[in-house]
Amino acid sequence: MAGPRVLAANVMRVVPRIGAHSHVMTASATASLLRLGAQAGSRLSLTRAPSHCLRVTSYSSSAGGAASSPPPPSTPNSSRPATIEVNGKTYTTDEWYNVPQTVLALTGRKLHLQKDHPVAITRQIIESKFPTATYKRYNEFDPVVSTIQNFDSLGFPPDHVGRARSDTYYINETTLLRTHTSAHQADTFRASASGGYLISADVYRRDEVDRSHYPVFHQMEGARVWDRTKVPNGDVVAAIYADLAKLPTHDVKVEDPNPPHHPERNPLQSEHHSPEEAEAVAAHLKRSLELMVVEIFTRAKQAAARQDPDYVDEPLRVRWVEAYFPFTSPSWELEVYYQGDWLEVLGCGVCKQELFINADQPQQLGWAFGIGLERIAMLLFQIPDIRLFWSKDERFLSQFTAVQDDLDKLKRFVPFSKYPACWKDVSFWLRSTSAAGGNTAVANVHDFHENDLMEVVRDVAGDVVEDVQLKDQFTHPKTGRKSMCYRINYRSLEKTLTNEEANDFHERVRQGLVEKLGVELR
């Protein structure tokens, strides 16, 4: 399962974007750093403000159904290359192609494998709690996958929002940049090369622009399976509990008030699993993930104590919360009480048996989880802006030197600068030919989607943009046309932007919106 937006965070998008993006989800609103990872909430409707510069120092059906493809774009992409290259492999594009060069340029970075990078350190900490004798590591799967791998093998319905071009980067109608690590789940189950696995990888999604969202991020998912035909005497329940008895214990307080399964809230897969089997799988799952979370947060507390002489430790608490994910049942989210707030850390559950059946392993059963690496790294290192992970600035990277060789050297990130922000507004009318623009008689396949605007901004200004927010929207009472106003906050991580530099970026963004989205500037 992949990370929190499939089963994971960013928990697993293997379960429609269970938490994974590097979004950090909080159980209650607080001012803690982790709120930076929370999904963006509703936007305030404000009147248009003048530009200001702050000066301070294949859609295919699942389960064998007939293919069902929505119409491709109605107008050709004149700037589309005939072929592209990703990690040394060449792919042919078609009218579905929507991957900007800025995203293609990141496909070879693989931060989870970069020595002493915070994402790689986080991966190493998580992996340390899953012994290699049982859990095989897969850290170098190629990011280009088929729609079958990314959607169909997991049972995504033909009309699932995750398949939309507004959400996903397509190379052609049947090929894309994976949106979650679960794109490799069916193949890994089918290979059945070990009793468990861990997959870490870069994943790609079109999304909003802010300090906790980025078009490329990293997920880890893991699974543990048992084969009914290979356990002693065919007693899979006894085998699972025997493996559970071999796991270490911990002394952290765990709240788990709900029953192991519930017919309505968290159903048992009664056609495939007995109550005893599901409860055994769940018990092994929960102990395994509790141990992982205790390791993460213990190291976070140790790093805080090393750097802050006034740090006040508090007992770690974790709790299990019933959840719904399409590809596990029963399902749970694991939350941790840390720095005064309950934080959602990951999503997990008993694997839907259809996943094993479709992978030609009907005799197996097991559990899976997913987690977003950036969101955990932001917590561990107190990194306030997801753009920093992609920085090549030695002032950032040098702070983590040699940590992978000695995890006891892990320490919090020390900000080296805070350059001033420079925000500017852009207002425009949507095309009247689109449903979003007011023409509800005929929907247009190029209807306005906010992610399209975000892509234009990213393509022009890249990491110079800190966030983009909708400030106001207005529908003309007579014409029905819709006007929108967005505020773009320009803030470089590496230098102070002049007003002239910000103006240049902003004018190019304005023109890009006209050329690519057909809006009418106000």
Protein backbone atom coordinates (compact mmCIF):
# COMPACT_ATOMS: atom_id res chain seq x y z
CA MET A 1 0.00 0.00 0.00
CA ALA A 2 1.19 3.40 -0.68
CA GLY A 3 1.34 6.80 1.58
CA PRO A 4 -1.41 9.61 4.11
CA ARG A 5 -3.87 10.80 0.51
CA VAL A 6 -3.11 4.97 -1.07
CA LEU A 7 -2.97 3.39 2.20
CA ALA A 8 -0.80 5.73 3.46
CA ALA A 9 -0.14 9.46 4.25
CA ASN A 10 0.59 12.13 1.39
CA VAL A 11 -0.89 7.43 4.23
CA MET A 12 -1.57 5.11 1.40
CA ARG A 13 -2.96 6.20 -1.90
CA VAL A 14 -3.26 2.50 -2.30
CA VAL A 15 -6.39 3.32 -0.62
CA PRO A 16 -7.47 6.31 -2.52
CA ARG A 17 -4.73 8.45 -1.49
CA ILE A 18 -4.84 7.45 2.10
CA GLY A 19 -3.02 10.16 3.69
CA ALA A 20 0.36 9.81 1.68
CA HIS A 21 1.19 13.01 -0.04
CA SER A 22 3.68 14.61 2.06
CA HIS A 23 0.65 16.13 3.64
CA VAL A 24 0.71 15.97 7.41
CA MET A 25 -2.72 15.32 8.85
CA THR A 26 -3.61 16.39 12.37
CA ALA A 27 -6.39 15.04 14.51
CA SER A 28 -7.13 18.46 15.95
CA ALA A 29 -6.09 21.94 14.94
CA THR A 30 -2.93 23.16 16.62
CA ALA A 31 -0.14 25.55 15.87
CA SER A 32 2.43 22.78 15.68
CA LEU A 33 4.70 22.34 12.71
CA LEU A 34 2.78 19.32 11.51
CA ARG A 35 -0.19 21.44 10.61
CA LEU A 36 1.89 22.45 7.60
CA GLY A 37 1.14 19.04 6.18
CA ALA A 38 -2.61 19.24 6.66
CA GLN A 39 -4.85 19.27 3.65
CA ALA A 40 -5.69 22.81 2.67
CA GLY A 41 -8.99 23.86 4.16
CA SER A 42 -11.65 26.19 2.87
CA ARG A 43 -10.41 29.47 1.46
CA LEU A 44 -11.59 32.80 2.76
CA SER A 45 -13.53 34.87 0.28
CA LEU A 46 -11.83 38.23 0.19
CA THR A 47 -12.06 41.24 -2.03
CA ARG A 48 -9.33 41.69 -4.55
CA ALA A 49 -6.19 43.26 -3.11
CA PRO A 50 -3.50 45.06 -5.07
CA SER A 51 -0.19 43.34 -5.76
CA HIS A 52 2.02 43.73 -2.73
CA CYS A 53 5.63 43.00 -1.95
CA LEU A 54 6.45 42.49 1.71
CA ARG A 55 9.74 44.07 2.61
CA VAL A 56 11.37 42.55 5.67
CA THR A 57 14.91 41.35 6.35
CA SER A 58 -6.51 4.47 -19.28
CA TYR A 59 -9.34 4.74 -17.66
CA SER A 60 -10.03 1.02 -17.61
CA SER A 61 -12.59 -0.83 -15.57
CA SER A 62 -11.53 -3.01 -12.70
CA ALA A 63 -12.00 -6.73 -12.25
CA GLY A 64 -12.11 -7.55 -15.91
CA GLY A 65 -14.90 -5.22 -16.98
CA ALA A 66 -15.00 -3.56 -20.35
CA ALA A 67 -12.68 -0.66 -20.91
CA SER A 68 -14.29 2.70 -20.38
CA SER A 69 -12.26 5.70 -21.51
CA PRO A 70 -13.36 9.31 -21.27
CA PRO A 71 -12.72 11.45 -24.31
CA PRO A 72 -9.17 12.74 -24.69
CA PRO A 73 -8.51 16.47 -24.92
CA SER A 74 -10.42 18.03 -27.79
CA THR A 75 -7.56 20.28 -28.88
CA PRO A 76 -4.04 19.04 -29.60
CA ASN A 77 -1.14 20.03 -27.41
CA SER A 78 1.05 21.79 -29.95
CA SER A 79 4.02 21.85 -27.57
CA ARG A 80 3.87 18.14 -26.86
CA PRO A 81 7.07 16.24 -27.68
CA ALA A 82 6.65 13.09 -29.76
CA THR A 83 8.73 11.11 -27.26
CA ILE A 84 10.23 11.65 -23.82
CA GLU A 85 12.98 9.91 -21.90
CA VAL A 86 12.69 8.89 -18.26
CA ASN A 87 15.65 7.23 -16.55
CA GLY A 88 17.14 6.10 -19.84
CA LYS A 89 13.92 4.71 -21.34
CA THR A 90 12.04 6.32 -24.22
CA TYR A 91 8.26 6.63 -24.26
CA THR A 92 5.89 7.76 -26.99
CA THR A 93 3.41 10.48 -26.03
CA ASP A 94 -0.11 11.13 -27.30
CA GLU A 95 -2.87 13.67 -26.64
CA TRP A 96 -3.01 12.55 -22.99
CA TYR A 97 0.50 13.86 -22.31
CA ASN A 98 0.54 16.46 -19.53
CA VAL A 99 3.92 16.16 -17.78
CA PRO A 100 5.78 19.48 -17.50
CA GLN A 101 9.52 19.55 -18.00
CA THR A 102 9.99 20.71 -14.41
CA VAL A 103 8.49 17.43 -13.19
CA LEU A 104 10.36 15.27 -15.71
CA ALA A 105 13.60 16.80 -14.48
CA LEU A 106 12.93 15.38 -10.99
CA THR A 107 12.38 11.75 -12.03
CA GLY A 108 16.04 10.92 -11.54
CA ARG A 109 16.58 12.59 -8.17
CA LYS A 110 15.38 9.66 -5.98
CA LEU A 111 15.79 11.45 -2.68
CA HIS A 112 14.97 8.27 -0.76
CA LEU A 113 18.28 6.82 -2.00
CA GLN A 114 20.41 9.96 -1.63
CA LYS A 115 23.00 9.45 1.10
CA ASP A 116 22.22 11.45 4.27
CA HIS A 117 19.19 13.14 2.78
CA PRO A 118 16.35 13.57 5.34
CA VAL A 119 14.02 11.44 3.20
CA ALA A 120 16.62 8.66 2.99
CA ILE A 121 17.30 8.87 6.73
CA THR A 122 13.57 8.56 7.41
CA ARG A 123 13.36 5.53 5.13
CA GLN A 124 16.27 3.93 6.98
CA ILE A 125 14.65 4.48 10.39
CA ILE A 126 11.40 2.85 9.26
CA GLU A 127 13.18 -0.04 7.56
CA SER A 128 15.13 -0.75 10.75
CA LYS A 129 11.98 -2.10 12.40
CA PHE A 130 11.29 -4.65 9.65
CA PRO A 131 13.92 -7.44 9.52
CA THR A 132 15.34 -8.20 6.08
CA ALA A 133 14.90 -11.92 6.66
CA THR A 134 11.15 -11.39 6.28
CA TYR A 135 10.69 -8.08 4.50
CA LYS A 136 12.37 -7.76 1.11
CA ARG A 137 13.29 -4.18 0.14
CA TYR A 138 12.24 -2.69 -3.18
CA ASN A 139 13.66 0.82 -3.52
CA GLU A 140 14.38 1.17 -7.23
CA PHE A 141 11.17 0.47 -9.11
CA ASP A 142 10.85 2.63 -12.23
CA PRO A 143 8.39 5.56 -11.83
CA VAL A 144 6.71 4.95 -15.22
CA VAL A 145 3.88 2.43 -14.93
CA SER A 146 0.78 1.39 -16.82
CA THR A 147 -2.79 2.34 -15.99
CA ILE A 148 -3.32 -1.36 -15.28
CA GLN A 149 -0.62 -1.32 -12.60
CA ASN A 150 -1.62 2.02 -11.10
CA PHE A 151 -5.40 1.65 -11.16
CA ASP A 152 -6.91 -1.55 -12.55
CA SER A 153 -4.88 -4.03 -10.49
CA LEU A 154 -6.09 -2.25 -7.34
CA GLY A 155 -9.73 -2.13 -8.34
CA PHE A 156 -10.01 1.61 -8.98
CA PRO A 157 -13.41 2.18 -10.65
CA PRO A 158 -13.38 3.73 -14.14
CA ASP A 159 -14.69 7.07 -12.85
CA HIS A 160 -12.33 7.38 -9.86
CA VAL A 161 -11.02 10.92 -9.48
CA GLY A 162 -7.47 9.63 -9.26
CA ARG A 163 -7.60 8.67 -12.95
CA ALA A 164 -8.34 12.21 -14.10
CA ARG A 165 -5.74 14.18 -16.04
CA SER A 166 -6.30 16.95 -13.52
CA ASP A 167 -4.84 14.68 -10.82
CA THR A 168 -2.36 12.44 -12.62
CA TYR A 169 0.64 12.92 -14.92
CA TYR A 170 0.07 10.96 -18.13
CA ILE A 171 2.70 10.13 -20.75
CA ASN A 172 0.05 8.59 -22.96
CA GLU A 173 -3.40 7.11 -22.47
CA THR A 174 -2.09 3.88 -20.94
CA THR A 175 1.18 5.06 -19.38
CA LEU A 176 1.78 7.47 -16.50
CA LEU A 177 4.03 8.50 -13.64
CA ARG A 178 2.91 6.39 -10.69
CA THR A 179 0.69 8.16 -8.21
CA HIS A 180 1.46 5.76 -5.35
CA THR A 181 3.83 2.92 -4.51
CA SER A 182 0.85 0.56 -4.65
CA ALA A 183 1.25 0.55 -8.42
CA HIS A 184 3.77 -2.23 -7.72
CA GLN A 185 1.67 -4.11 -5.20
CA ALA A 186 0.06 -6.67 -7.52
CA ASP A 187 3.39 -7.50 -9.19
CA THR A 188 5.07 -7.90 -5.80
CA PHE A 189 2.28 -10.12 -4.48
CA ARG A 190 2.42 -12.16 -7.69
CA ALA A 191 6.18 -12.68 -7.39
CA SER A 192 5.73 -13.88 -3.79
CA ALA A 193 9.47 -13.63 -3.23
CA SER A 194 9.30 -13.23 0.55
CA GLY A 195 6.99 -13.27 3.55
CA GLY A 196 6.77 -9.49 3.42
CA TYR A 197 8.06 -6.46 1.60
CA LEU A 198 8.80 -2.75 1.85
CA ILE A 199 8.54 -0.48 -1.19
CA SER A 200 9.96 3.04 -1.14
CA ALA A 201 9.68 5.29 -4.15
CA ASP A 202 9.06 8.71 -5.60
CA VAL A 203 5.43 9.29 -6.61
CA TYR A 204 3.78 12.01 -8.68
CA ARG A 205 0.54 13.96 -8.39
CA ARG A 206 -0.82 17.20 -9.73
CA ASP A 207 -1.74 19.19 -6.67
CA GLU A 208 -1.98 22.56 -5.01
CA VAL A 209 1.01 24.78 -4.27
CA ASP A 210 1.87 25.35 -0.62
CA ARG A 211 4.53 24.47 1.94
CA SER A 212 3.30 20.89 2.41
CA HIS A 213 2.45 19.90 -1.18
CA TYR A 214 4.82 19.16 -4.04
CA PRO A 215 4.23 17.40 -7.38
CA VAL A 216 6.82 14.76 -6.45
CA PHE A 217 7.06 13.15 -3.03
CA HIS A 218 8.04 9.82 -1.51
CA GLN A 219 6.02 7.01 -0.06
CA MET A 220 6.76 3.76 1.70
CA GLU A 221 4.41 0.88 1.89
CA GLY A 222 4.81 -2.49 3.50
CA ALA A 223 3.01 -5.78 3.63
CA ARG A 224 3.21 -9.07 5.53
CA VAL A 225 1.64 -12.21 4.09
CA TRP A 226 1.05 -15.80 5.13
CA ASP A 227 0.40 -18.75 2.82
CA ARG A 228 -2.24 -21.20 4.01
CA THR A 229 -0.55 -24.02 2.08
CA LYS A 230 2.85 -23.49 3.72
CA VAL A 231 2.11 -23.00 7.42
CA PRO A 232 2.36 -25.98 9.81
CA ASN A 233 -0.74 -28.17 9.67
CA GLY A 234 -2.46 -25.53 7.53
CA ASP A 235 -3.28 -23.59 10.71
CA VAL A 236 -2.70 -20.00 9.58
CA VAL A 237 -4.05 -18.51 12.83
CA ALA A 238 -1.52 -20.43 14.90
CA ALA A 239 1.26 -19.47 12.49
CA ILE A 240 0.42 -15.76 12.71
CA TYR A 241 0.31 -15.78 16.51
CA ALA A 242 3.61 -17.66 16.57
CA ASP A 243 5.17 -14.89 14.47
CA LEU A 244 3.56 -12.26 16.71
CA ALA A 245 5.18 -13.87 19.76
CA LYS A 246 8.60 -13.34 18.15
CA LEU A 247 8.12 -9.58 17.85
CA PRO A 248 9.56 -7.25 20.50
CA THR A 249 7.22 -5.52 22.93
CA HIS A 250 7.02 -1.87 23.97
CA ASP A 251 5.76 0.06 26.99
CA VAL A 252 3.86 2.81 25.19
CA LYS A 253 0.23 3.36 26.14
CA VAL A 254 -2.05 2.20 23.31
CA GLU A 255 -5.72 3.15 23.03
CA ASP A 256 -7.71 0.65 20.97
CA PRO A 257 -11.33 0.90 22.16
CA ASN A 258 -13.07 -0.58 19.13
CA PRO A 259 -13.74 -4.25 18.36
CA PRO A 260 -11.42 -6.03 15.89
CA HIS A 261 -14.12 -5.66 13.22
CA HIS A 262 -17.63 -4.30 12.97
CA PRO A 263 -20.30 -5.38 10.44
CA GLU A 264 -21.06 -1.79 9.42
CA ARG A 265 -18.15 0.46 10.39
CA ASN A 266 -15.22 -1.89 9.75
CA PRO A 267 -16.42 -5.13 8.21
CA LEU A 268 -14.78 -8.52 8.19
CA GLN A 269 -14.23 -10.10 4.77
CA SER A 270 -16.41 -12.97 5.87
CA GLU A 271 -16.41 -14.67 2.46
CA HIS A 272 -12.64 -15.08 2.70
CA HIS A 273 -11.55 -14.80 6.36
CA SER A 274 -12.80 -16.25 9.61
CA PRO A 275 -13.05 -13.85 12.56
CA GLU A 276 -10.07 -15.61 14.13
CA GLU A 277 -7.94 -15.15 11.01
CA ALA A 278 -8.74 -11.46 10.69
CA GLU A 279 -8.06 -10.86 14.37
CA ALA A 280 -4.71 -12.64 14.17
CA VAL A 281 -3.65 -10.60 11.13
CA ALA A 282 -4.75 -7.39 12.85
CA ALA A 283 -2.83 -8.22 16.02
CA HIS A 284 0.39 -8.78 14.08
CA LEU A 285 -0.20 -5.63 12.04
CA LYS A 286 -0.77 -3.42 15.07
CA ARG A 287 2.24 -4.63 17.03
CA SER A 288 4.50 -4.25 13.98
CA LEU A 289 3.40 -0.68 13.27
CA GLU A 290 3.39 0.35 16.91
CA LEU A 291 7.05 -0.65 17.10
CA MET A 292 7.81 1.41 14.00
CA VAL A 293 6.01 4.49 15.32
CA VAL A 294 7.67 4.21 18.73
CA GLU A 295 11.06 4.21 16.96
CA ILE A 296 10.21 7.29 14.89
CA PHE A 297 8.87 9.37 17.75
CA THR A 298 11.53 8.29 20.22
CA ARG A 299 14.17 9.57 17.81
CA ALA A 300 12.19 12.78 17.28
CA LYS A 301 12.09 13.37 21.04
CA GLN A 302 15.79 12.60 21.42
CA ALA A 303 16.66 15.09 18.67
CA ALA A 304 14.53 17.75 20.36
CA ALA A 305 16.14 17.15 23.73
CA ARG A 306 19.67 17.36 22.29
CA GLN A 307 19.05 20.82 20.85
CA ASP A 308 16.65 22.35 23.32
CA PRO A 309 17.79 22.46 26.95
CA ASP A 310 14.26 23.46 27.96
CA TYR A 311 12.61 20.57 26.14
CA VAL A 312 9.95 18.92 28.29
CA ASP A 313 9.43 15.25 27.54
CA GLU A 314 5.98 13.71 27.69
CA PRO A 315 4.91 10.07 27.61
CA LEU A 316 4.20 8.83 24.11
CA ARG A 317 0.61 7.76 23.43
CA VAL A 318 -0.81 6.06 20.36
CA ARG A 319 -4.34 5.15 19.38
CA TRP A 320 -6.04 3.09 16.70
CA VAL A 321 -8.95 4.67 14.84
CA GLU A 322 -11.36 2.82 12.58
CA ALA A 323 -11.04 3.89 8.95
CA TYR A 324 -12.24 3.05 5.48
CA PHE A 325 -9.86 2.23 2.66
CA PRO A 326 -11.08 0.53 -0.55
CA PHE A 327 -8.36 -2.09 -0.56
CA THR A 328 -8.27 -3.19 3.07
CA SER A 329 -10.93 -4.33 5.51
CA PRO A 330 -10.95 -4.04 8.44
CA SER A 331 -8.91 -0.81 8.23
CA TRP A 332 -7.36 1.60 10.71
CA GLU A 333 -5.43 4.80 11.04
CA LEU A 334 -2.68 5.04 13.63
CA GLU A 335 -2.48 8.34 15.50
CA VAL A 336 0.20 9.56 17.90
CA TYR A 337 -0.17 12.17 20.63
CA TYR A 338 2.83 14.42 20.19
CA GLN A 339 3.52 18.02 21.17
CA GLY A 340 -0.03 18.51 22.35
CA ASP A 341 -1.88 17.09 19.37
CA TRP A 342 -3.14 13.82 17.92
CA LEU A 343 -1.39 13.28 14.59
CA GLU A 344 -2.46 10.84 11.91
CA VAL A 345 0.69 8.92 11.00
CA LEU A 346 -0.37 6.14 8.65
CA GLY A 347 -3.19 4.03 7.25
CA CYS A 348 -3.34 0.25 7.21
CA GLY A 349 -5.55 -2.80 7.26
CA VAL A 350 -6.19 -6.42 6.37
CA CYS A 351 -5.63 -6.73 2.61
CA LYS A 352 -8.71 -7.22 0.49
CA GLN A 353 -8.54 -10.80 -0.67
CA GLU A 354 -9.29 -9.76 -4.25
CA LEU A 355 -5.77 -8.32 -4.41
CA PHE A 356 -4.28 -11.76 -3.77
CA ILE A 357 -6.76 -13.47 -6.07
CA ASN A 358 -5.97 -11.08 -8.91
CA ALA A 359 -2.25 -11.63 -8.27
CA ASP A 360 -2.72 -15.41 -8.63
CA GLN A 361 -2.06 -16.01 -4.93
CA PRO A 362 -5.56 -16.84 -3.61
CA GLN A 363 -4.12 -18.97 -0.80
CA GLN A 364 -2.41 -15.99 0.83
CA LEU A 365 -3.70 -13.40 3.29
CA GLY A 366 -2.06 -10.55 5.10
CA TRP A 367 -1.84 -6.87 6.01
CA ALA A 368 -0.49 -3.71 4.42
CA PHE A 369 0.31 -0.15 5.44
CA GLY A 370 1.42 3.05 3.79
CA ILE A 371 3.20 6.18 4.99
CA GLY A 372 4.47 9.44 3.50
CA LEU A 373 8.21 9.89 4.00
CA GLU A 374 8.30 13.68 3.70
CA ARG A 375 5.56 14.15 6.26
CA ILE A 376 7.48 12.04 8.77
CA ALA A 377 10.75 13.77 7.89
CA MET A 378 9.11 17.16 8.46
CA LEU A 379 8.26 15.98 11.97
CA LEU A 380 11.61 14.33 12.72
CA PHE A 381 13.72 17.25 11.53
CA GLN A 382 11.24 20.10 12.04
CA ILE A 383 11.54 21.08 8.37
CA PRO A 384 8.91 23.78 7.71
CA ASP A 385 8.72 23.78 3.90
CA ILE A 386 8.53 20.76 1.59
CA ARG A 387 10.50 22.62 -1.10
CA LEU A 388 13.59 22.33 1.09
CA PHE A 389 13.80 18.60 0.44
CA TRP A 390 14.61 19.39 -3.20
CA SER A 391 17.17 22.05 -2.42
CA LYS A 392 20.79 21.48 -3.41
CA ASP A 393 21.93 24.23 -1.05
CA GLU A 394 24.75 22.94 1.14
CA ARG A 395 23.42 25.02 4.00
CA PHE A 396 20.53 22.56 4.03
CA LEU A 397 22.20 19.29 3.04
CA SER A 398 25.26 19.65 5.26
CA GLN A 399 23.11 19.60 8.38
CA PHE A 400 22.47 15.88 7.89
CA THR A 401 25.98 14.70 7.02
CA ALA A 402 26.87 11.26 8.44
CA VAL A 403 23.48 10.73 10.08
CA GLN A 404 22.80 7.53 8.15
CA ASP A 405 26.04 6.08 9.52
CA ASP A 406 25.03 6.99 13.07
CA LEU A 407 21.35 7.70 13.67
CA ASP A 408 22.17 9.01 17.13
CA LYS A 409 23.51 12.11 15.35
CA LEU A 410 20.02 12.93 14.12
CA LYS A 411 19.17 16.53 14.93
CA ARG A 412 16.55 19.09 14.06
CA PHE A 413 16.95 21.33 11.05
CA VAL A 414 18.28 24.79 11.83
CA PRO A 415 16.83 27.44 9.45
CA PHE A 416 19.62 29.29 7.69
CA SER A 417 17.46 32.12 6.41
CA LYS A 418 13.95 33.41 6.03
CA TYR A 419 13.73 35.54 2.97
CA PRO A 420 10.86 38.02 2.63
CA ALA A 421 7.66 37.09 0.84
CA CYS A 422 6.31 38.96 -2.15
CA TRP A 423 2.68 38.31 -2.98
CA LYS A 424 0.75 39.26 -6.07
CA ASP A 425 -2.81 38.67 -7.20
CA VAL A 426 -4.12 37.51 -10.54
CA SER A 427 -7.80 37.84 -11.48
CA PHE A 428 -9.47 36.41 -14.55
CA TRP A 429 -12.72 35.38 -16.15
CA LEU A 430 -13.09 31.70 -16.96
CA ARG A 431 -13.95 30.84 -20.52
CA SER A 432 -17.66 31.08 -21.08
CA THR A 433 -17.45 27.90 -23.18
CA SER A 434 -16.70 25.84 -20.10
CA ALA A 435 -19.14 24.63 -17.49
CA ALA A 436 -16.97 26.20 -14.80
CA GLY A 437 -17.19 29.51 -16.63
CA GLY A 438 -20.96 29.55 -16.53
CA ASN A 439 -21.99 27.45 -19.54
CA THR A 440 -23.79 24.57 -17.89
CA ALA A 441 -25.41 23.36 -21.09
CA VAL A 442 -22.31 21.62 -22.37
CA ALA A 443 -19.40 20.54 -20.22
CA ASN A 444 -16.00 20.95 -21.85
CA VAL A 445 -13.20 18.43 -21.37
CA HIS A 446 -10.93 21.43 -20.83
CA ASP A 447 -13.13 22.71 -18.00
CA PHE A 448 -11.17 24.74 -15.44
CA HIS A 449 -9.53 22.74 -12.68
CA GLU A 450 -7.48 24.40 -9.96
CA ASN A 451 -4.66 21.91 -10.45
CA ASP A 452 -4.25 23.22 -14.01
CA LEU A 453 -3.60 26.69 -12.64
CA MET A 454 -1.13 25.25 -10.12
CA GLU A 455 0.76 23.54 -12.94
CA VAL A 456 1.07 26.79 -14.88
CA VAL A 457 2.45 28.55 -11.81
CA ARG A 458 4.90 25.74 -11.06
CA ASP A 459 6.00 25.51 -14.69
CA VAL A 460 6.83 29.23 -14.81
CA ALA A 461 8.16 29.98 -11.33
CA GLY A 462 9.08 26.56 -9.93
CA ASP A 463 10.26 26.56 -6.32
CA VAL A 464 10.20 30.35 -6.15
CA VAL A 465 6.49 30.07 -5.30
CA GLU A 466 5.70 29.24 -1.69
CA ASP A 467 1.92 28.95 -2.01
CA VAL A 468 -1.09 29.82 -4.14
CA GLN A 469 -4.47 30.56 -2.59
CA LEU A 470 -7.92 31.30 -3.94
CA LYS A 471 -8.87 34.67 -2.47
CA ASP A 472 -12.17 35.45 -4.17
CA GLN A 473 -14.63 34.17 -6.77
CA PHE A 474 -17.58 35.87 -8.32
CA THR A 475 -20.33 34.88 -10.73
CA HIS A 476 -21.77 37.67 -12.87
CA PRO A 477 -25.52 37.87 -12.16
CA LYS A 478 -26.40 38.60 -15.79
CA THR A 479 -23.91 36.67 -17.91
CA GLY A 480 -23.29 33.82 -15.48
CA ARG A 481 -19.57 34.06 -16.18
CA LYS A 482 -17.28 33.25 -13.30
CA SER A 483 -14.36 35.39 -12.14
CA MET A 484 -11.62 34.10 -9.86
CA CYS A 485 -8.82 35.79 -7.95
CA TYR A 486 -5.72 33.90 -6.75
CA ARG A 487 -2.92 35.20 -4.59
CA ILE A 488 0.55 33.91 -5.47
CA ASN A 489 3.18 34.18 -2.76
CA TYR A 490 6.68 34.40 -4.22
CA ARG A 491 9.44 33.55 -1.75
CA SER A 492 12.78 32.07 -2.74
CA LEU A 493 14.51 29.66 -0.38
CA GLU A 494 17.91 30.94 -1.44
CA LYS A 495 17.76 34.72 -1.86
CA THR A 496 15.66 37.84 -1.50
CA LEU A 497 13.52 38.44 -4.58
CA THR A 498 13.34 41.97 -5.86
CA ASN A 499 9.95 43.37 -6.78
CA GLU A 500 11.14 43.45 -10.40
CA GLU A 501 11.99 39.73 -10.34
CA ALA A 502 8.63 38.91 -8.79
CA ASN A 503 6.88 41.07 -11.39
CA ASP A 504 8.65 39.19 -14.17
CA PHE A 505 7.57 35.81 -12.81
CA HIS A 506 4.05 37.09 -12.29
CA GLU A 507 3.67 38.47 -15.80
CA ARG A 508 4.83 35.16 -17.25
CA VAL A 509 2.31 33.35 -15.05
CA ARG A 510 -0.46 35.66 -16.27
CA GLN A 511 0.43 35.01 -19.90
CA GLY A 512 0.71 31.29 -19.25
CA LEU A 513 -2.83 31.24 -17.85
CA VAL A 514 -4.09 32.92 -21.01
CA GLU A 515 -2.18 30.66 -23.37
CA LYS A 516 -2.76 27.34 -21.61
CA LEU A 517 -6.14 27.77 -19.91
CA GLY A 518 -7.79 30.33 -22.19
CA VAL A 519 -8.80 32.66 -19.37
CA GLU A 520 -9.51 36.37 -19.83
CA LEU A 521 -7.39 38.51 -17.52
CA ARG A 522 -9.06 41.24 -15.53
